[in-house]
């Protein structure tokens, strides 16, 4: 089986503040993920803002360098120790789709020039042949080259422009597309169009996706695997429907409980927790312990390792580990 996605102790440190009050933020702290499959998959990465989801995406897209560890995509080391893939080869393995489609294209350049330039840069083919590649990619997302020819980004809706972004990512025929909150800036009535497009492309173009989101409903709908992040760490990882149907980590349970209460205001306790964010990023033990109803003394002293459950999921929790030992 192919290694579609693997991270080995992936670590990213930011240092914030001046010389006297500098704070070390472990934005990614020993992140380990491993997905093997002969079929394309959709892996969802979920968590609150500040959990490290976008940092992980940026490391895998080579927008930032990891402080330690490595990332592997389709058996190729793409970031960190041992990454030797040249830029052209890298772009044929990994492609991005960003949150705001209007920021992905300049308002001073027609959309078709972006697509042709992408095809030319990847293949080196003349413009006429690049147009055929662009047409093929656009057909995959339900559009045609004639639909974009000579048009500027402001002549498209957000949903249309995001589909064009997907087509642009498909031109190099990558192994995986990293989509960072790809529907959050799109009108709610059009979001499922993009989500269903990902499912269609997984089957028709054999493309895998790393889908980064805080929307558990769409994650449940399209995901094969799910990784839950909290303050730079993975807390639960495994098959998506297994986790979302029966969450084991207290943080995953909190996320699911919050879906039904999004119209309620935060309590004073919850607001106070936001002030602890920097402390949590540097905590020695479990970073969720201040919010966890099950926290014990060991949670403040020892970082929980991965506990492998019978359903093949990994849970990073001392309480879950102890309960499994009892069984």
Protein backbone atom coordinates (compact mmCIF):
# COMPACT_ATOMS: atom_id res chain seq x y z
CA UNK A 1 0.00 0.00 0.00
CA UNK A 2 1.09 3.55 -0.65
CA UNK A 3 1.86 5.98 2.14
CA UNK A 4 -0.59 8.73 1.23
CA UNK A 5 0.26 10.92 4.22
CA UNK A 6 2.74 10.50 7.04
CA UNK A 7 4.25 12.92 9.52
CA UNK A 8 7.11 11.85 11.77
CA UNK A 9 7.38 13.89 14.99
CA UNK A 10 6.61 17.05 13.03
CA UNK A 11 7.51 20.10 15.09
CA UNK A 12 7.22 23.85 14.49
CA UNK A 13 8.32 26.46 17.02
CA UNK A 14 7.55 30.17 16.92
CA UNK A 15 9.22 32.65 19.24
CA UNK A 16 7.06 35.65 20.05
CA UNK A 17 7.81 38.86 21.94
CA UNK A 18 11.00 40.79 22.72
CA UNK A 19 14.27 39.68 24.30
CA UNK A 20 12.99 39.97 27.87
CA UNK A 21 9.51 38.52 27.45
CA UNK A 22 10.00 36.10 24.59
CA UNK A 23 7.54 33.18 24.52
CA UNK A 24 8.22 29.87 22.79
CA UNK A 25 5.08 28.60 21.05
CA UNK A 26 5.06 24.98 19.94
CA UNK A 27 2.59 25.45 17.08
CA UNK A 28 3.18 21.82 16.07
CA UNK A 29 4.41 19.49 18.77
CA UNK A 30 5.48 15.99 17.72
CA UNK A 31 2.61 15.51 15.28
CA UNK A 32 2.37 11.93 14.02
CA UNK A 33 -0.12 10.89 11.35
CA UNK A 34 -0.01 7.83 9.10
CA UNK A 35 -2.46 6.91 6.34
CA UNK A 36 -1.74 4.02 3.96
CA UNK A 37 -4.06 3.04 1.14
CA UNK A 38 -4.12 1.89 -2.46
CA UNK A 39 -7.25 4.01 -2.95
CA UNK A 40 -7.49 7.82 -2.78
CA UNK A 41 -8.77 9.12 0.57
CA UNK A 42 -10.06 12.28 2.17
CA UNK A 43 -8.39 13.09 5.48
CA UNK A 44 -10.02 15.80 7.57
CA UNK A 45 -8.09 17.87 10.08
CA UNK A 46 -10.41 19.49 12.62
CA UNK A 47 -10.06 21.70 15.68
CA UNK A 48 -10.68 25.19 16.97
CA UNK A 49 -8.82 28.26 15.73
CA UNK A 50 -5.27 28.14 17.05
CA UNK A 51 -5.09 24.35 17.07
CA UNK A 52 -2.28 24.20 14.50
CA UNK A 53 -4.28 23.06 11.46
CA UNK A 54 -3.09 25.82 9.13
CA UNK A 55 0.49 25.56 10.39
CA UNK A 56 0.49 21.88 9.45
CA UNK A 57 -0.86 22.77 6.00
CA UNK A 58 1.81 25.43 5.49
CA UNK A 59 4.57 23.01 6.44
CA UNK A 60 3.30 20.43 3.96
CA UNK A 61 3.01 23.09 1.25
CA UNK A 62 6.58 24.26 1.96
CA UNK A 63 5.37 27.73 2.85
CA UNK A 64 7.21 27.41 6.17
CA UNK A 65 10.01 25.12 7.31
CA UNK A 66 9.40 22.69 10.18
CA UNK A 67 11.68 22.98 13.19
CA UNK A 68 12.05 19.19 13.29
CA UNK A 69 10.54 16.03 11.87
CA UNK A 70 9.34 15.37 8.35
CA UNK A 71 6.23 15.06 6.17
CA UNK A 72 5.77 12.33 3.54
CA UNK A 73 3.16 12.37 0.75
CA UNK A 74 2.74 9.42 -1.61
CA UNK A 75 6.04 7.93 -0.47
CA UNK A 76 7.95 11.18 -1.13
CA UNK A 77 9.49 13.29 1.65
CA UNK A 78 8.07 16.74 0.90
CA UNK A 79 9.10 18.69 4.01
CA UNK A 80 11.65 18.48 6.79
CA UNK A 81 14.57 16.10 7.16
CA UNK A 82 15.36 14.29 3.90
CA UNK A 83 13.21 16.48 1.63
CA UNK A 84 15.03 16.58 -1.70
CA UNK A 85 12.10 16.86 -4.08
CA UNK A 86 12.62 19.76 -6.51
CA UNK A 87 9.89 22.37 -6.81
CA UNK A 88 8.46 21.10 -10.10
CA UNK A 89 8.23 17.53 -8.83
CA UNK A 90 6.80 18.77 -5.54
CA UNK A 91 3.99 20.64 -7.34
CA UNK A 92 3.08 17.45 -9.17
CA UNK A 93 2.57 15.74 -5.80
CA UNK A 94 0.96 18.46 -3.64
CA UNK A 95 -1.35 21.32 -4.61
CA UNK A 96 -3.20 23.86 -2.43
CA UNK A 97 -6.69 25.32 -2.33
CA UNK A 98 -6.94 28.33 -0.04
CA UNK A 99 -9.72 29.73 2.10
CA UNK A 100 -10.57 32.86 0.13
CA UNK A 101 -10.79 32.27 -3.64
CA UNK A 102 -10.80 36.04 -4.32
CA UNK A 103 -7.35 36.35 -2.74
CA UNK A 104 -5.99 33.49 -4.87
CA UNK A 105 -6.33 35.51 -8.07
CA UNK A 106 -5.21 39.06 -8.83
CA UNK A 107 -8.01 41.41 -9.87
CA UNK A 108 -5.70 42.85 -12.55
CA UNK A 109 -5.22 39.61 -14.48
CA UNK A 110 -7.73 37.41 -16.28
CA UNK A 111 -8.40 34.01 -14.77
CA UNK A 112 -7.42 32.09 -17.91
CA UNK A 113 -3.89 33.54 -17.81
CA UNK A 114 -3.42 32.06 -14.33
CA UNK A 115 -4.52 28.63 -15.53
CA UNK A 116 -2.37 28.70 -18.67
CA UNK A 117 0.66 29.88 -16.67
CA UNK A 118 0.19 27.04 -14.18
CA UNK A 119 0.02 24.46 -16.99
CA UNK A 120 3.04 25.95 -18.74
CA UNK A 121 5.13 26.05 -15.56
CA UNK A 122 4.39 22.43 -14.72
CA UNK A 123 4.65 20.88 -18.19
CA UNK A 124 6.72 23.33 -20.27
CA UNK A 125 4.28 22.74 -23.16
CA UNK A 126 3.31 25.50 -25.65
CA UNK A 127 0.17 27.54 -25.02
CA UNK A 128 -2.05 25.58 -27.42
CA UNK A 129 -1.37 22.31 -25.62
CA UNK A 130 -1.69 23.99 -22.23
CA UNK A 131 -5.19 25.09 -23.22
CA UNK A 132 -6.13 21.43 -23.67
CA UNK A 133 -4.87 20.65 -20.15
CA UNK A 134 -6.80 23.60 -18.71
CA UNK A 135 -9.96 22.51 -20.53
CA UNK A 136 -9.59 19.00 -19.11
CA UNK A 137 -9.20 20.36 -15.57
CA UNK A 138 -12.16 22.73 -15.92
CA UNK A 139 -14.40 19.98 -17.27
CA UNK A 140 -13.60 18.01 -14.10
CA UNK A 141 -15.20 20.79 -12.03
CA UNK A 142 -18.15 21.33 -14.37
CA UNK A 143 -16.82 24.27 -16.40
CA UNK A 144 -15.12 24.94 -19.75
CA UNK A 145 -12.21 27.06 -20.95
CA UNK A 146 -14.67 29.27 -22.82
CA UNK A 147 -16.36 30.08 -19.50
CA UNK A 148 -13.20 31.72 -18.11
CA UNK A 149 -11.52 33.09 -21.24
CA UNK A 150 -10.83 36.83 -20.91
CA UNK A 151 -12.74 37.15 -17.61
CA UNK A 152 -11.50 38.68 -14.37
CA UNK A 153 -12.06 37.24 -10.87
CA UNK A 154 -14.77 39.78 -9.99
CA UNK A 155 -16.89 38.39 -12.83
CA UNK A 156 -17.38 35.13 -10.95
CA UNK A 157 -19.23 34.20 -7.77
CA UNK A 158 -17.29 32.84 -4.81
CA UNK A 159 -18.46 29.31 -5.56
CA UNK A 160 -17.45 29.55 -9.22
CA UNK A 161 -14.05 30.98 -8.34
CA UNK A 162 -13.41 28.23 -5.83
CA UNK A 163 -14.22 25.64 -8.49
CA UNK A 164 -11.70 27.37 -10.75
CA UNK A 165 -9.19 27.16 -7.88
CA UNK A 166 -9.83 23.43 -7.71
CA UNK A 167 -9.32 23.13 -11.48
CA UNK A 168 -6.05 25.02 -11.19
CA UNK A 169 -4.89 22.57 -8.52
CA UNK A 170 -5.86 19.61 -10.75
CA UNK A 171 -3.74 20.72 -13.74
CA UNK A 172 -0.52 19.03 -12.47
CA UNK A 173 -2.54 15.90 -11.59
CA UNK A 174 -1.29 15.89 -7.97
CA UNK A 175 -1.47 12.98 -5.58
CA UNK A 176 -3.05 15.13 -2.87
CA UNK A 177 -4.76 18.51 -2.64
CA UNK A 178 -4.50 20.41 0.64
CA UNK A 179 -7.69 22.41 1.10
CA UNK A 180 -7.56 24.90 3.99
CA UNK A 181 -11.10 25.89 5.02
CA UNK A 182 -12.13 25.89 1.32
CA UNK A 183 -15.84 26.60 1.87
CA UNK A 184 -15.77 29.03 4.80
CA UNK A 185 -15.85 32.10 2.52
CA UNK A 186 -18.53 30.72 0.21
CA UNK A 187 -22.27 31.34 0.52
CA UNK A 188 -23.84 28.63 2.67
CA UNK A 189 -26.16 27.52 -0.13
CA UNK A 190 -23.17 26.70 -2.36
CA UNK A 191 -20.87 25.00 0.14
CA UNK A 192 -22.15 21.48 -0.47
CA UNK A 193 -21.46 21.92 -4.20
CA UNK A 194 -17.75 22.20 -3.43
CA UNK A 195 -17.85 19.40 -0.86
CA UNK A 196 -19.57 17.06 -3.33
CA UNK A 197 -17.01 18.10 -5.94
CA UNK A 198 -14.22 16.78 -3.69
CA UNK A 199 -16.00 13.43 -3.44
CA UNK A 200 -16.46 13.31 -7.20
CA UNK A 201 -12.81 14.14 -7.88
CA UNK A 202 -11.60 11.53 -5.40
CA UNK A 203 -13.33 8.86 -7.49
CA UNK A 204 -12.84 10.25 -10.99
CA UNK A 205 -9.34 11.75 -10.87
CA UNK A 206 -8.00 9.47 -8.09
CA UNK A 207 -6.96 12.52 -6.06
CA UNK A 208 -6.66 12.45 -2.28
CA UNK A 209 -7.51 15.47 -0.11
CA UNK A 210 -6.34 16.87 3.19
CA UNK A 211 -9.46 18.82 4.18
CA UNK A 212 -8.85 21.36 6.94
CA UNK A 213 -11.98 22.58 8.66
CA UNK A 214 -13.76 23.40 11.90
CA UNK A 215 -17.05 22.15 10.40
CA UNK A 216 -17.67 18.68 11.84
CA UNK A 217 -20.79 18.16 9.72
CA UNK A 218 -18.92 18.36 6.40
CA UNK A 219 -16.02 16.39 7.89
CA UNK A 220 -18.42 13.57 8.78
CA UNK A 221 -19.96 13.71 5.30
CA UNK A 222 -16.81 13.40 3.18
CA UNK A 223 -13.98 12.02 5.33
CA UNK A 224 -12.34 8.63 5.33
CA UNK A 225 -9.96 9.59 8.15
CA UNK A 226 -10.14 12.26 10.82
CA UNK A 227 -7.42 13.92 12.90
CA UNK A 228 -8.48 16.12 15.83
CA UNK A 229 -5.95 18.78 16.86
CA UNK A 230 -5.65 20.82 20.02
CA UNK A 231 -2.92 23.44 20.67
CA UNK A 232 -0.46 21.92 18.22
CA UNK A 233 -1.02 18.28 19.19
CA UNK A 234 -3.07 15.41 17.82
CA UNK A 235 -5.58 14.18 20.42
CA UNK A 236 -7.52 11.60 18.37
CA UNK A 237 -6.93 10.05 14.95
CA UNK A 238 -8.57 7.26 12.99
CA UNK A 239 -11.50 6.42 10.76
CA UNK A 240 -13.77 9.45 10.59
CA UNK A 241 -17.15 7.88 11.22
CA UNK A 242 -15.83 5.79 14.08
CA UNK A 243 -14.52 8.89 15.84
CA UNK A 244 -17.50 11.15 15.17
CA UNK A 245 -20.01 8.44 16.10
CA UNK A 246 -18.23 7.50 19.33
CA UNK A 247 -15.57 10.07 20.36
CA UNK A 248 -13.16 8.89 23.05
CA UNK A 249 -11.02 11.95 23.81
CA UNK A 250 -12.73 14.56 26.04
CA UNK A 251 -11.82 17.33 23.58
CA UNK A 252 -13.44 15.51 20.64
CA UNK A 253 -16.52 15.05 22.82
CA UNK A 254 -16.51 18.79 23.60
CA UNK A 255 -16.30 19.66 19.89
CA UNK A 256 -19.27 17.46 19.08
CA UNK A 257 -21.29 18.81 21.99
CA UNK A 258 -20.60 22.37 20.84
CA UNK A 259 -22.17 21.73 17.43
CA UNK A 260 -25.63 21.70 18.96
CA UNK A 261 -25.02 24.76 21.16
CA UNK A 262 -23.40 27.18 18.74
CA UNK A 263 -26.20 29.72 19.32
CA UNK A 264 -25.35 29.94 23.03
CA UNK A 265 -22.98 32.54 24.44
CA UNK A 266 -19.71 31.46 25.98
CA UNK A 267 -19.65 31.38 29.75
CA UNK A 268 -17.14 33.45 31.72
CA UNK A 269 -15.14 30.26 32.36
CA UNK A 270 -14.85 29.50 28.64
CA UNK A 271 -13.79 33.08 27.87
CA UNK A 272 -11.13 32.89 30.59
CA UNK A 273 -9.72 29.78 28.95
CA UNK A 274 -8.80 31.79 25.87
CA UNK A 275 -6.29 33.75 27.96
CA UNK A 276 -4.49 30.50 28.75
CA UNK A 277 -3.67 29.79 25.10
CA UNK A 278 0.03 30.71 25.23
CA UNK A 279 0.44 28.68 28.44
CA UNK A 280 -1.23 25.66 26.85
CA UNK A 281 1.16 25.79 23.88
CA UNK A 282 4.10 25.37 26.25
CA UNK A 283 2.53 22.94 28.73
CA UNK A 284 4.54 19.89 29.75
CA UNK A 285 1.63 17.49 30.23
CA UNK A 286 -1.72 17.29 28.48
CA UNK A 287 -2.58 20.66 26.98
CA UNK A 288 -6.30 20.08 27.36
CA UNK A 289 -6.19 19.41 31.10
CA UNK A 290 -7.43 22.90 32.12
CA UNK A 291 -10.67 22.31 30.24
CA UNK A 292 -10.94 18.58 30.80
CA UNK A 293 -13.57 17.25 33.26
CA UNK A 294 -11.53 14.05 33.67
CA UNK A 295 -8.12 15.64 34.36
CA UNK A 296 -5.92 13.95 36.95
CA UNK A 297 -2.55 14.74 38.54
CA UNK A 298 -0.63 12.80 35.91
CA UNK A 299 -2.16 15.00 33.18
CA UNK A 300 -0.20 18.00 34.49
CA UNK A 301 3.09 16.12 34.61
CA UNK A 302 3.25 13.67 31.70
CA UNK A 303 2.36 14.14 28.06
CA UNK A 304 -0.05 11.36 27.01
CA UNK A 305 1.21 9.05 24.29
CA UNK A 306 -0.86 7.38 21.58
CA UNK A 307 -3.18 4.68 22.87
CA UNK A 308 -4.24 2.32 20.07
CA UNK A 309 -7.83 1.13 20.49
CA UNK A 310 -9.29 -2.07 19.00
CA UNK A 311 -11.06 -0.02 16.30
CA UNK A 312 -7.60 1.15 15.10
CA UNK A 313 -7.95 4.74 16.27
CA UNK A 314 -5.24 6.51 18.26
CA UNK A 315 -6.25 8.50 21.35
CA UNK A 316 -3.84 10.65 23.34
CA UNK A 317 -5.35 10.53 26.83
CA UNK A 318 -4.18 9.04 30.14
CA UNK A 319 -7.75 8.21 31.21
CA UNK A 320 -8.50 6.34 27.98
CA UNK A 321 -5.18 4.47 28.32
CA UNK A 322 -6.02 3.37 31.87
CA UNK A 323 -9.54 2.25 30.93
CA UNK A 324 -8.14 0.17 28.08
CA UNK A 325 -5.68 -1.50 30.46
CA UNK A 326 -8.58 -2.43 32.74
CA UNK A 327 -10.39 -4.09 29.86
